[in-house]
Structures are given as C-alpha cells and as structure tokens.
Amino acid sequence: MMRDSYKFVLVDLDGTISDPRLGIVHSVQYAAKKMNLRDVQAAEVEAHIGPPLQETFAEVFGLDETEMISMIHFYREYFKKTGMFENVLYPGIQELLETLKPTKRLVVATSKPTEFAEKIVSYFQIDPYFELVAGSNLDGTRTTKTEIIRFILEQYGEYKPEEFVMIGDRKQDIHGARQNGIDSIGVTYGFGSPAEIKEAQPNHIVDTVSELEKLFYPFKLN
C-alpha cells in the first residue's frame, strides 16, 4: 500500500515526464556522423535512453576518454539548438502535476544536465509545478542518479528520507533511490522494460500515468 507520508516527489524527466526519443536519436546520429563513426539506428539509441551519456556512449561505441569528450560536445551541439525541443509530454502528465502540486513538493531528478532540464521544463510550461530542477553538471560531475538524489536530499536536510519518493522509468532511478534510503515508484510506460523495472524492485510499479495518479490518490473522483 502507498504510504501517505511523502512530502517530496522526485520525478525523472526523460521517459517519465516526457518522451524525448526523437531529439536524442537525432543528437546521437549527428554526433556519430561528426565523429565519422558507423551509422546508428534509432532502436539502438532508444534502448539506452535514460542513463548518463558517458555510460551510453561507452556501451554503444566503446569510446576512450578523449573520444567521449568530443562525442558529447557534438551531441550537445545539436541538442542545445534543436534536439531538446524534439520532445513531447506524455499524455496526462500536466494533469498529474496539477493534482500533486497542492499536497506535494515536486522536484525534477534527472541525469540530463541541469541547464538543459530547466529549459525543457520551461519549454513545456510546467516549471511552476517544480520547486527545484536537479540534474548533472556540464563538466561531467554529478552524473549518476545516486549522486543527483543525494544532492536533492542535501538541499532538504531537515527532512527524513521516508518523506521522499522517486519516480522513474529505468533501473538507475530505482537503484539511486534505494542507495539513498528513499522509496521508489517504477513506471513501465517509458524506456525501461517491465522486466527491467520489476528486477530493480521498486516499492511500487505502474504502467500508465493514470495509474500513477491513482497510486497517490486512490479515492480521487474523475
């Protein structure tokens, strides 16, 4: 059963709030072309959306550190100008945030650089719902979800871990929450498969945005 003591709801961005696949695929393909690497298929990129770029590029291309820096530079070159806006909110997200806002304090917790995450949240005009957008740093630090959640908890040091819950679509979200001693909700409508989410063992699993709302407000009338 869902605990009603959560004061803070941490929400992942890619695959939980919005579907960024088109912009991310185009950014990776642009970077690969600039690096004279092999052609990259959309499905290959989509399988790696969520974790930090460093992790994705290491797995997909096997780059060394110097190549990684160049690849990320080219990725961001396209992403900053075009890719971040090739993105759509999942149906029902705005309504969910509207429902949560009166009783919960909402925070974006993403592996995406904070600078980009803030622009995306503003682009969708959902920034008024969130009191903090926390992501990675452009210099390559604070990239893991464990580090990002820890940073958020440090901003609210007067509150207990049991007052926080993390919502995300990849195993990194669930593991990051557990390593910081907070609960988690895994969603299967994003980029992590149902099997990945189940194996990560979140406190709750939902398949749709509507189910997510009902988890918080089981007696809410439509």
Protein backbone atom coordinates (compact mmCIF):
# COMPACT_ATOMS: atom_id res chain seq x y z
CA MET A 1 0.00 0.00 0.00
CA MET A 2 1.17 3.51 -0.79
CA ARG A 3 2.43 5.47 2.21
CA ASP A 4 0.70 8.85 2.60
CA SER A 5 3.62 10.48 4.43
CA TYR A 6 5.57 11.53 1.31
CA LYS A 7 6.18 15.27 1.32
CA PHE A 8 8.57 15.30 -1.65
CA VAL A 9 8.02 13.64 -5.01
CA LEU A 10 11.18 13.38 -7.13
CA VAL A 11 10.37 12.84 -10.81
CA ASP A 12 12.69 11.71 -13.58
CA LEU A 13 12.46 13.70 -16.83
CA ASP A 14 13.23 11.52 -19.87
CA GLY A 15 10.84 8.58 -20.06
CA THR A 16 8.75 9.69 -17.08
CA ILE A 17 7.62 13.26 -17.73
CA SER A 18 8.32 13.44 -21.45
CA ASP A 19 9.21 11.30 -24.46
CA PRO A 20 12.47 12.77 -25.85
CA ARG A 21 13.35 9.91 -28.17
CA LEU A 22 13.31 11.87 -31.44
CA GLY A 23 15.63 14.60 -30.18
CA ILE A 24 18.02 12.16 -28.51
CA VAL A 25 18.18 9.88 -31.55
CA HIS A 26 18.89 12.82 -33.85
CA SER A 27 21.53 14.19 -31.46
CA VAL A 28 23.35 10.84 -31.28
CA GLN A 29 23.18 10.37 -35.04
CA TYR A 30 24.52 13.89 -35.60
CA ALA A 31 27.40 13.29 -33.18
CA ALA A 32 28.24 9.90 -34.69
CA LYS A 33 28.39 11.43 -38.16
CA LYS A 34 30.65 14.24 -36.92
CA MET A 35 32.93 11.63 -35.36
CA ASN A 36 32.95 9.53 -38.55
CA LEU A 37 31.53 6.57 -36.66
CA ARG A 38 29.19 3.94 -38.04
CA ASP A 39 25.56 4.65 -38.84
CA VAL A 40 23.36 4.43 -35.76
CA GLN A 41 19.83 3.07 -35.88
CA ALA A 42 17.05 4.68 -33.85
CA ALA A 43 16.21 1.46 -31.98
CA GLU A 44 19.80 1.15 -30.76
CA VAL A 45 19.71 4.64 -29.27
CA GLU A 46 16.24 4.21 -27.75
CA ALA A 47 17.44 1.17 -25.80
CA HIS A 48 19.94 3.40 -23.97
CA ILE A 49 17.84 6.49 -23.21
CA GLY A 50 17.93 7.38 -19.53
CA PRO A 51 21.44 6.67 -18.19
CA PRO A 52 24.18 9.34 -18.42
CA LEU A 53 25.66 9.97 -21.89
CA GLN A 54 29.06 8.73 -20.76
CA GLU A 55 27.57 5.35 -19.91
CA THR A 56 25.57 5.16 -23.14
CA PHE A 57 28.44 6.13 -25.43
CA ALA A 58 30.80 3.70 -23.71
CA GLU A 59 28.34 0.83 -24.21
CA VAL A 60 27.30 1.68 -27.77
CA PHE A 61 30.59 2.91 -29.27
CA GLY A 62 33.36 1.81 -26.89
CA LEU A 63 34.95 5.26 -26.91
CA ASP A 64 38.06 6.25 -24.99
CA GLU A 65 38.05 9.35 -22.77
CA THR A 66 39.22 11.78 -25.47
CA GLU A 67 36.70 10.46 -27.99
CA MET A 68 33.98 10.60 -25.33
CA ILE A 69 34.59 14.32 -24.73
CA SER A 70 34.33 15.03 -28.47
CA MET A 71 31.21 12.89 -28.87
CA ILE A 72 29.42 14.65 -26.02
CA HIS A 73 30.43 18.02 -27.46
CA PHE A 74 28.88 17.20 -30.83
CA TYR A 75 25.80 15.66 -29.19
CA ARG A 76 25.18 18.85 -27.24
CA GLU A 77 25.84 20.98 -30.30
CA TYR A 78 22.71 19.54 -31.93
CA PHE A 79 20.76 19.02 -28.72
CA LYS A 80 21.05 22.63 -27.50
CA LYS A 81 19.84 24.07 -30.78
CA THR A 82 17.19 21.55 -31.87
CA GLY A 83 17.19 18.20 -30.09
CA MET A 84 15.84 19.26 -26.71
CA PHE A 85 12.70 20.57 -28.36
CA GLU A 86 12.06 17.39 -30.39
CA ASN A 87 10.22 16.17 -27.34
CA VAL A 88 6.63 15.68 -26.14
CA LEU A 89 4.94 15.38 -22.75
CA TYR A 90 3.35 12.03 -22.02
CA PRO A 91 -0.45 12.27 -22.06
CA GLY A 92 -1.82 13.05 -18.60
CA ILE A 93 1.42 14.42 -17.13
CA GLN A 94 0.21 18.01 -16.86
CA GLU A 95 -2.97 16.84 -15.13
CA LEU A 96 -0.93 14.65 -12.77
CA LEU A 97 1.29 17.58 -11.78
CA GLU A 98 -1.79 19.74 -11.27
CA THR A 99 -3.19 17.12 -8.91
CA LEU A 100 0.05 16.59 -6.97
CA LYS A 101 1.02 20.23 -6.56
CA PRO A 102 -1.40 21.21 -3.74
CA THR A 103 -0.23 18.42 -1.39
CA LYS A 104 3.33 17.50 -2.52
CA ARG A 105 6.60 19.34 -3.12
CA LEU A 106 7.80 18.39 -6.59
CA VAL A 107 11.40 18.11 -7.76
CA VAL A 108 12.83 17.06 -11.14
CA ALA A 109 15.63 14.50 -10.67
CA THR A 110 17.35 13.80 -13.99
CA SER A 111 20.72 12.66 -15.32
CA LYS A 112 20.37 15.31 -18.02
CA PRO A 113 22.44 18.47 -17.35
CA THR A 114 20.50 20.85 -15.12
CA GLU A 115 20.86 23.67 -17.67
CA PHE A 116 19.08 21.63 -20.36
CA ALA A 117 16.50 20.16 -17.98
CA GLU A 118 15.47 23.64 -16.83
CA LYS A 119 14.98 24.76 -20.43
CA ILE A 120 12.89 21.70 -21.28
CA VAL A 121 10.67 22.10 -18.22
CA SER A 122 10.22 25.77 -19.12
CA TYR A 123 9.52 24.90 -22.78
CA PHE A 124 6.64 22.67 -21.68
CA GLN A 125 5.46 25.42 -19.28
CA ILE A 126 5.45 23.02 -16.34
CA ASP A 127 8.18 24.83 -14.39
CA PRO A 128 5.66 26.39 -11.93
CA TYR A 129 4.92 22.91 -10.59
CA PHE A 130 8.54 22.25 -9.54
CA GLU A 131 10.45 24.00 -6.78
CA LEU A 132 13.79 22.52 -7.92
CA VAL A 133 15.24 21.03 -11.08
CA ALA A 134 18.30 18.91 -10.24
CA GLY A 135 20.43 17.28 -12.90
CA SER A 136 24.05 16.61 -13.77
CA ASN A 137 26.77 19.20 -14.25
CA LEU A 138 28.09 20.13 -17.69
CA ASP A 139 31.63 19.37 -16.53
CA GLY A 140 30.80 15.67 -16.22
CA THR A 141 30.28 15.58 -12.46
CA ARG A 142 27.18 14.52 -10.52
CA THR A 143 26.00 12.31 -13.37
CA THR A 144 24.60 9.23 -11.63
CA LYS A 145 21.09 9.13 -10.26
CA THR A 146 22.50 8.18 -6.86
CA GLU A 147 24.54 11.41 -6.79
CA ILE A 148 21.63 13.51 -8.04
CA ILE A 149 19.21 12.17 -5.42
CA ARG A 150 21.84 12.66 -2.73
CA PHE A 151 22.24 16.28 -3.85
CA ILE A 152 18.47 16.81 -3.59
CA LEU A 153 18.31 15.30 -0.10
CA GLU A 154 21.12 17.61 0.97
CA GLN A 155 19.03 20.60 -0.10
CA TYR A 156 16.29 19.45 2.27
CA GLY A 157 18.44 18.18 5.12
CA GLU A 158 15.81 18.88 7.79
CA TYR A 159 13.51 16.22 6.32
CA LYS A 160 13.70 12.44 6.77
CA PRO A 161 14.36 10.00 3.88
CA GLU A 162 10.94 8.40 4.39
CA GLU A 163 9.35 11.71 3.37
CA PHE A 164 10.74 11.33 -0.18
CA VAL A 165 9.80 9.10 -3.11
CA MET A 166 11.48 8.81 -6.52
CA ILE A 167 9.53 8.13 -9.74
CA GLY A 168 11.42 6.84 -12.76
CA ASP A 169 11.42 4.55 -15.77
CA ARG A 170 14.90 2.97 -15.57
CA LYS A 171 16.70 0.75 -13.08
CA GLN A 172 19.10 3.61 -12.31
CA ASP A 173 16.20 5.58 -10.81
CA ILE A 174 15.24 2.70 -8.55
CA HIS A 175 18.80 1.84 -7.51
CA GLY A 176 19.59 5.51 -6.87
CA ALA A 177 16.58 5.82 -4.60
CA ARG A 178 17.46 2.68 -2.67
CA GLN A 179 21.10 3.75 -2.21
CA ASN A 180 19.84 6.99 -0.66
CA GLY A 181 17.35 5.24 1.60
CA ILE A 182 14.18 6.52 -0.07
CA ASP A 183 11.22 4.75 -1.66
CA SER A 184 10.67 4.47 -5.40
CA ILE A 185 7.96 4.03 -7.99
CA GLY A 186 8.86 2.39 -11.28
CA VAL A 187 6.89 3.31 -14.40
CA THR A 188 6.81 0.97 -17.39
CA TYR A 189 5.48 3.42 -20.00
CA GLY A 190 8.96 4.94 -20.52
CA PHE A 191 12.19 3.41 -21.79
CA GLY A 192 12.80 0.71 -19.23
CA SER A 193 11.12 -2.61 -19.96
CA PRO A 194 8.67 -4.10 -17.46
CA ALA A 195 11.27 -6.80 -16.79
CA GLU A 196 13.95 -4.19 -16.01
CA ILE A 197 11.67 -2.34 -13.63
CA LYS A 198 10.49 -5.50 -11.88
CA GLU A 199 14.05 -6.75 -11.44
CA ALA A 200 15.07 -3.40 -9.90
CA GLN A 201 12.41 -3.98 -7.20
CA PRO A 202 10.84 -0.54 -6.65
CA ASN A 203 8.29 -0.15 -3.87
CA HIS A 204 5.54 0.26 -6.47
CA ILE A 205 5.15 -0.35 -10.21
CA VAL A 206 2.65 1.39 -12.51
CA ASP A 207 2.05 1.01 -16.23
CA THR A 208 0.38 4.34 -17.06
CA VAL A 209 0.27 7.96 -15.92
CA SER A 210 -3.33 7.38 -14.85
CA GLU A 211 -2.24 4.50 -12.60
CA LEU A 212 0.44 6.76 -11.14
CA GLU A 213 -2.17 9.33 -10.15
CA LYS A 214 -4.39 6.64 -8.62
CA LEU A 215 -1.43 5.39 -6.60
CA PHE A 216 -1.22 8.76 -4.86
CA TYR A 217 -4.96 9.45 -4.76
CA PRO A 218 -6.83 6.11 -4.83
CA PHE A 219 -10.16 7.70 -3.91
CA LYS A 220 -10.00 10.66 -6.29
CA LEU A 221 -13.10 11.01 -8.46
CA ASN A 222 -12.63 11.71 -12.17
